[in-house]
């Protein structure tokens, strides 16, 4: 890591400044990738948490929604993209609803 970046991180007083220093300003390719990865991680963790809360294994959830265990595993590890319709089916299979907000 270069000295300028280290200094910018040290001087950061807000989380936004820290993100700017580490990943670039909002709209930069690096920041966009970071935000995409962060959302993927959050969705994966939410899926894993809800599946566990429902008392289901990955295999049981996969059977409920008509897919394979490997797909559920890949989603929970952030290694697969999910289509919106599939996301709705997954959470319906967990007895949950999905609310979509457009910001």
N, C-alpha and C. Protein backbone atom coordinates (compact mmCIF):
# COMPACT_ATOMS: atom_id res chain seq x y z
N UNK A 1 0.85 -1.17 0.00
CA UNK A 1 0.00 0.00 0.00
C UNK A 1 0.90 1.23 0.00
N UNK A 2 0.56 2.22 -0.85
CA UNK A 2 1.43 3.39 -0.93
C UNK A 2 1.22 4.33 0.26
N UNK A 3 2.20 5.19 0.47
CA UNK A 3 2.20 6.08 1.64
C UNK A 3 1.01 7.04 1.64
N UNK A 4 0.63 7.55 0.48
CA UNK A 4 -0.48 8.50 0.39
C UNK A 4 -1.79 7.83 0.84
N UNK A 5 -1.96 6.60 0.44
CA UNK A 5 -3.16 5.86 0.82
C UNK A 5 -3.17 5.60 2.33
N UNK A 6 -2.04 5.23 2.87
CA UNK A 6 -1.93 4.98 4.31
C UNK A 6 -2.25 6.25 5.08
N UNK A 7 -1.73 7.37 4.63
CA UNK A 7 -1.99 8.65 5.30
C UNK A 7 -3.47 9.02 5.21
N UNK A 8 -4.08 8.80 4.05
CA UNK A 8 -5.51 9.11 3.90
C UNK A 8 -6.36 8.25 4.83
N UNK A 9 -5.97 6.99 5.00
CA UNK A 9 -6.69 6.09 5.91
C UNK A 9 -6.51 6.57 7.35
N UNK A 10 -5.29 6.96 7.71
CA UNK A 10 -5.03 7.44 9.07
C UNK A 10 -5.81 8.71 9.38
N UNK A 11 -5.97 9.58 8.39
CA UNK A 11 -6.65 10.86 8.60
C UNK A 11 -8.17 10.75 8.52
N UNK A 12 -8.67 9.65 8.08
CA UNK A 12 -10.12 9.49 7.93
C UNK A 12 -10.80 9.61 9.29
N UNK A 13 -11.86 10.41 9.33
CA UNK A 13 -12.61 10.58 10.58
C UNK A 13 -14.03 10.04 10.47
N UNK A 14 -14.44 9.70 9.27
CA UNK A 14 -15.77 9.10 9.08
C UNK A 14 -15.60 7.81 8.28
N UNK A 15 -16.63 6.99 8.32
CA UNK A 15 -16.59 5.75 7.56
C UNK A 15 -16.52 6.04 6.05
N UNK A 16 -17.25 7.06 5.60
CA UNK A 16 -17.21 7.42 4.19
C UNK A 16 -15.81 7.82 3.74
N UNK A 17 -15.10 8.58 4.60
CA UNK A 17 -13.73 8.97 4.27
C UNK A 17 -12.82 7.74 4.21
N UNK A 18 -13.05 6.81 5.10
CA UNK A 18 -12.27 5.58 5.10
C UNK A 18 -12.51 4.78 3.82
N UNK A 19 -13.78 4.67 3.42
CA UNK A 19 -14.11 3.97 2.18
C UNK A 19 -13.49 4.68 0.98
N UNK A 20 -13.56 6.02 0.97
CA UNK A 20 -12.96 6.79 -0.12
C UNK A 20 -11.46 6.50 -0.22
N UNK A 21 -10.79 6.48 0.93
CA UNK A 21 -9.34 6.26 0.94
C UNK A 21 -8.99 4.84 0.50
N UNK A 22 -9.77 3.87 0.95
CA UNK A 22 -9.45 2.47 0.67
C UNK A 22 -9.91 2.03 -0.72
N UNK A 23 -11.12 2.46 -1.13
CA UNK A 23 -11.71 1.94 -2.37
C UNK A 23 -11.98 2.98 -3.44
N UNK A 24 -11.68 4.24 -3.16
CA UNK A 24 -11.95 5.30 -4.13
C UNK A 24 -13.29 5.95 -3.85
N UNK A 25 -13.51 7.06 -4.52
CA UNK A 25 -14.74 7.82 -4.31
C UNK A 25 -15.93 7.10 -4.95
N UNK A 26 -17.12 7.46 -4.48
CA UNK A 26 -18.34 6.89 -5.04
C UNK A 26 -18.36 7.12 -6.54
N UNK A 27 -18.63 6.07 -7.28
CA UNK A 27 -18.67 6.14 -8.73
C UNK A 27 -17.41 5.61 -9.40
N UNK A 28 -16.33 5.49 -8.64
CA UNK A 28 -15.10 4.94 -9.23
C UNK A 28 -15.28 3.43 -9.40
N UNK A 29 -14.59 2.85 -10.36
CA UNK A 29 -14.73 1.40 -10.58
C UNK A 29 -14.41 0.56 -9.34
N UNK A 30 -13.38 0.96 -8.61
CA UNK A 30 -13.01 0.21 -7.40
C UNK A 30 -14.09 0.27 -6.35
N UNK A 31 -14.68 1.45 -6.17
CA UNK A 31 -15.74 1.63 -5.16
C UNK A 31 -16.99 0.87 -5.59
N UNK A 32 -17.32 0.92 -6.87
CA UNK A 32 -18.48 0.19 -7.36
C UNK A 32 -18.33 -1.30 -7.11
N UNK A 33 -17.13 -1.83 -7.35
CA UNK A 33 -16.88 -3.26 -7.11
C UNK A 33 -16.99 -3.59 -5.63
N UNK A 34 -16.43 -2.72 -4.79
CA UNK A 34 -16.53 -2.93 -3.34
C UNK A 34 -17.99 -2.98 -2.91
N UNK A 35 -18.79 -2.03 -3.38
CA UNK A 35 -20.20 -1.97 -2.98
C UNK A 35 -20.97 -3.19 -3.49
N UNK A 36 -20.66 -3.63 -4.69
CA UNK A 36 -21.30 -4.84 -5.22
C UNK A 36 -20.93 -6.05 -4.37
N UNK A 37 -19.65 -6.18 -4.04
CA UNK A 37 -19.20 -7.29 -3.21
C UNK A 37 -19.82 -7.24 -1.82
N UNK A 38 -19.96 -6.05 -1.26
CA UNK A 38 -20.57 -5.89 0.07
C UNK A 38 -22.04 -6.32 0.05
N UNK A 39 -22.76 -5.94 -0.99
CA UNK A 39 -24.17 -6.34 -1.10
C UNK A 39 -24.30 -7.85 -1.28
N UNK A 40 -23.42 -8.43 -2.07
CA UNK A 40 -23.42 -9.88 -2.26
C UNK A 40 -23.18 -10.59 -0.94
N UNK A 41 -22.22 -10.10 -0.17
CA UNK A 41 -21.91 -10.68 1.14
C UNK A 41 -23.13 -10.58 2.06
N UNK A 42 -23.76 -9.42 2.11
CA UNK A 42 -24.93 -9.24 2.98
C UNK A 42 -26.07 -10.17 2.60
N UNK A 43 -26.32 -10.30 1.31
CA UNK A 43 -27.39 -11.21 0.86
C UNK A 43 -27.05 -12.64 1.21
N UNK A 44 -25.81 -13.04 1.01
CA UNK A 44 -25.39 -14.41 1.32
C UNK A 44 -25.55 -14.70 2.82
N UNK A 45 -25.14 -13.77 3.65
CA UNK A 45 -25.26 -13.95 5.10
C UNK A 45 -26.72 -13.98 5.54
N UNK A 46 -27.56 -13.16 4.94
CA UNK A 46 -28.98 -13.16 5.26
C UNK A 46 -29.61 -14.48 4.88
N UNK A 47 -29.29 -14.98 3.71
CA UNK A 47 -29.82 -16.27 3.27
C UNK A 47 -29.40 -17.38 4.23
N UNK A 48 -28.13 -17.41 4.57
CA UNK A 48 -27.62 -18.44 5.48
C UNK A 48 -28.31 -18.35 6.85
N UNK A 49 -28.45 -17.13 7.36
CA UNK A 49 -29.07 -16.92 8.66
C UNK A 49 -30.54 -17.36 8.65
N UNK A 50 -31.27 -17.00 7.62
CA UNK A 50 -32.69 -17.36 7.54
C UNK A 50 -32.87 -18.87 7.35
N UNK A 51 -32.00 -19.48 6.56
CA UNK A 51 -32.08 -20.93 6.38
C UNK A 51 -31.84 -21.64 7.71
N UNK A 52 -30.83 -21.19 8.43
CA UNK A 52 -30.52 -21.78 9.74
C UNK A 52 -31.67 -21.56 10.71
N UNK A 53 -32.22 -20.35 10.71
CA UNK A 53 -33.35 -20.03 11.58
C UNK A 53 -34.55 -20.93 11.28
N UNK A 54 -34.73 -21.27 10.01
CA UNK A 54 -35.84 -22.14 9.61
C UNK A 54 -35.55 -23.60 9.93
N UNK A 55 -34.33 -23.89 10.37
CA UNK A 55 -33.97 -25.26 10.72
C UNK A 55 -33.79 -26.17 9.53
N UNK A 56 -33.38 -25.60 8.41
CA UNK A 56 -33.22 -26.38 7.18
C UNK A 56 -31.75 -26.52 6.81
N UNK A 57 -31.43 -27.64 6.20
CA UNK A 57 -30.12 -27.80 5.60
C UNK A 57 -30.18 -27.19 4.20
N UNK A 58 -29.02 -27.02 3.61
CA UNK A 58 -28.99 -26.52 2.24
C UNK A 58 -29.75 -27.47 1.31
N UNK A 59 -29.59 -28.76 1.55
CA UNK A 59 -30.26 -29.75 0.71
C UNK A 59 -31.78 -29.67 0.85
N UNK A 60 -32.26 -29.52 2.08
CA UNK A 60 -33.70 -29.41 2.30
C UNK A 60 -34.27 -28.17 1.62
N UNK A 61 -33.57 -27.04 1.73
CA UNK A 61 -34.03 -25.82 1.07
C UNK A 61 -34.04 -26.00 -0.43
N UNK A 62 -32.99 -26.60 -0.96
CA UNK A 62 -32.91 -26.83 -2.40
C UNK A 62 -34.09 -27.68 -2.88
N UNK A 63 -34.42 -28.73 -2.14
CA UNK A 63 -35.57 -29.58 -2.50
C UNK A 63 -36.86 -28.79 -2.48
N UNK A 64 -37.03 -27.93 -1.49
CA UNK A 64 -38.26 -27.13 -1.38
C UNK A 64 -38.49 -26.21 -2.57
N UNK A 65 -37.40 -25.68 -3.12
CA UNK A 65 -37.56 -24.70 -4.19
C UNK A 65 -37.20 -25.25 -5.57
N UNK A 66 -36.85 -26.52 -5.64
CA UNK A 66 -36.59 -27.15 -6.93
C UNK A 66 -35.24 -26.81 -7.55
N UNK A 67 -34.23 -26.77 -6.72
CA UNK A 67 -32.89 -26.52 -7.23
C UNK A 67 -31.92 -27.50 -6.57
N UNK A 68 -30.64 -27.30 -6.75
CA UNK A 68 -29.64 -28.21 -6.20
C UNK A 68 -28.97 -27.60 -4.99
N UNK A 69 -28.50 -28.47 -4.10
CA UNK A 69 -27.78 -28.04 -2.89
C UNK A 69 -26.56 -27.21 -3.27
N UNK A 70 -25.88 -27.59 -4.34
CA UNK A 70 -24.67 -26.86 -4.73
C UNK A 70 -24.99 -25.40 -5.06
N UNK A 71 -26.17 -25.15 -5.62
CA UNK A 71 -26.56 -23.77 -5.95
C UNK A 71 -26.77 -22.97 -4.67
N UNK A 72 -27.45 -23.57 -3.69
CA UNK A 72 -27.67 -22.89 -2.41
C UNK A 72 -26.33 -22.61 -1.76
N UNK A 73 -25.43 -23.57 -1.79
CA UNK A 73 -24.10 -23.39 -1.22
C UNK A 73 -23.36 -22.25 -1.90
N UNK A 74 -23.41 -22.22 -3.22
CA UNK A 74 -22.73 -21.16 -3.96
C UNK A 74 -23.32 -19.79 -3.62
N UNK A 75 -24.64 -19.71 -3.47
CA UNK A 75 -25.26 -18.44 -3.08
C UNK A 75 -24.80 -18.01 -1.69
N UNK A 76 -24.79 -18.95 -0.76
CA UNK A 76 -24.41 -18.63 0.61
C UNK A 76 -22.94 -18.26 0.74
N UNK A 77 -22.14 -18.65 -0.23
CA UNK A 77 -20.72 -18.30 -0.22
C UNK A 77 -20.41 -17.13 -1.15
N UNK A 78 -21.46 -16.50 -1.69
CA UNK A 78 -21.27 -15.35 -2.56
C UNK A 78 -20.63 -15.67 -3.87
N UNK A 79 -20.75 -16.91 -4.33
CA UNK A 79 -20.08 -17.35 -5.55
C UNK A 79 -21.03 -17.47 -6.74
N UNK A 80 -22.31 -17.10 -6.56
CA UNK A 80 -23.27 -17.22 -7.65
C UNK A 80 -24.20 -16.02 -7.63
N UNK A 81 -24.58 -15.57 -8.79
CA UNK A 81 -25.58 -14.52 -8.90
C UNK A 81 -26.96 -15.16 -8.80
N UNK A 82 -27.92 -14.38 -8.33
CA UNK A 82 -29.26 -14.91 -8.19
C UNK A 82 -30.23 -14.01 -8.95
N UNK A 83 -31.14 -14.63 -9.66
CA UNK A 83 -32.19 -13.87 -10.34
C UNK A 83 -33.25 -13.51 -9.32
N UNK A 84 -33.94 -12.42 -9.57
CA UNK A 84 -34.93 -11.92 -8.62
C UNK A 84 -36.02 -12.95 -8.35
N UNK A 85 -36.51 -13.62 -9.38
CA UNK A 85 -37.54 -14.64 -9.20
C UNK A 85 -37.06 -15.78 -8.32
N UNK A 86 -35.82 -16.17 -8.49
CA UNK A 86 -35.24 -17.23 -7.67
C UNK A 86 -35.10 -16.77 -6.23
N UNK A 87 -34.70 -15.52 -6.04
CA UNK A 87 -34.58 -14.97 -4.69
C UNK A 87 -35.93 -15.01 -3.97
N UNK A 88 -36.98 -14.63 -4.65
CA UNK A 88 -38.31 -14.70 -4.06
C UNK A 88 -38.68 -16.14 -3.70
N UNK A 89 -38.39 -17.10 -4.60
CA UNK A 89 -38.69 -18.51 -4.33
C UNK A 89 -37.91 -19.02 -3.12
N UNK A 90 -36.65 -18.63 -3.02
CA UNK A 90 -35.83 -19.09 -1.89
C UNK A 90 -36.43 -18.63 -0.58
N UNK A 91 -36.74 -17.35 -0.47
CA UNK A 91 -37.25 -16.85 0.80
C UNK A 91 -38.68 -17.33 1.07
N UNK A 92 -39.46 -17.56 0.02
CA UNK A 92 -40.78 -18.18 0.22
C UNK A 92 -40.59 -19.59 0.78
N UNK A 93 -39.59 -20.31 0.29
CA UNK A 93 -39.28 -21.65 0.79
C UNK A 93 -38.85 -21.63 2.24
N UNK A 94 -38.39 -20.47 2.70
CA UNK A 94 -38.00 -20.31 4.10
C UNK A 94 -39.13 -19.73 4.94
N UNK A 95 -40.28 -19.54 4.31
CA UNK A 95 -41.41 -18.96 5.04
C UNK A 95 -41.26 -17.47 5.27
N UNK A 96 -40.49 -16.81 4.44
CA UNK A 96 -40.23 -15.38 4.57
C UNK A 96 -40.67 -14.66 3.30
N UNK A 97 -40.81 -13.36 3.41
CA UNK A 97 -41.12 -12.54 2.24
C UNK A 97 -39.95 -11.61 1.96
N UNK A 98 -39.82 -11.22 0.72
CA UNK A 98 -38.78 -10.29 0.32
C UNK A 98 -39.45 -8.98 -0.03
N UNK A 99 -38.89 -7.90 0.47
CA UNK A 99 -39.35 -6.57 0.15
C UNK A 99 -38.26 -5.90 -0.66
N UNK A 100 -38.62 -5.31 -1.77
CA UNK A 100 -37.65 -4.70 -2.65
C UNK A 100 -37.83 -3.19 -2.61
N UNK A 101 -36.77 -2.48 -2.30
CA UNK A 101 -36.77 -1.01 -2.30
C UNK A 101 -35.86 -0.51 -3.40
N UNK A 102 -36.35 0.40 -4.21
CA UNK A 102 -35.54 1.02 -5.24
C UNK A 102 -35.13 2.39 -4.71
N UNK A 103 -33.83 2.61 -4.58
CA UNK A 103 -33.33 3.88 -4.03
C UNK A 103 -32.78 4.76 -5.12
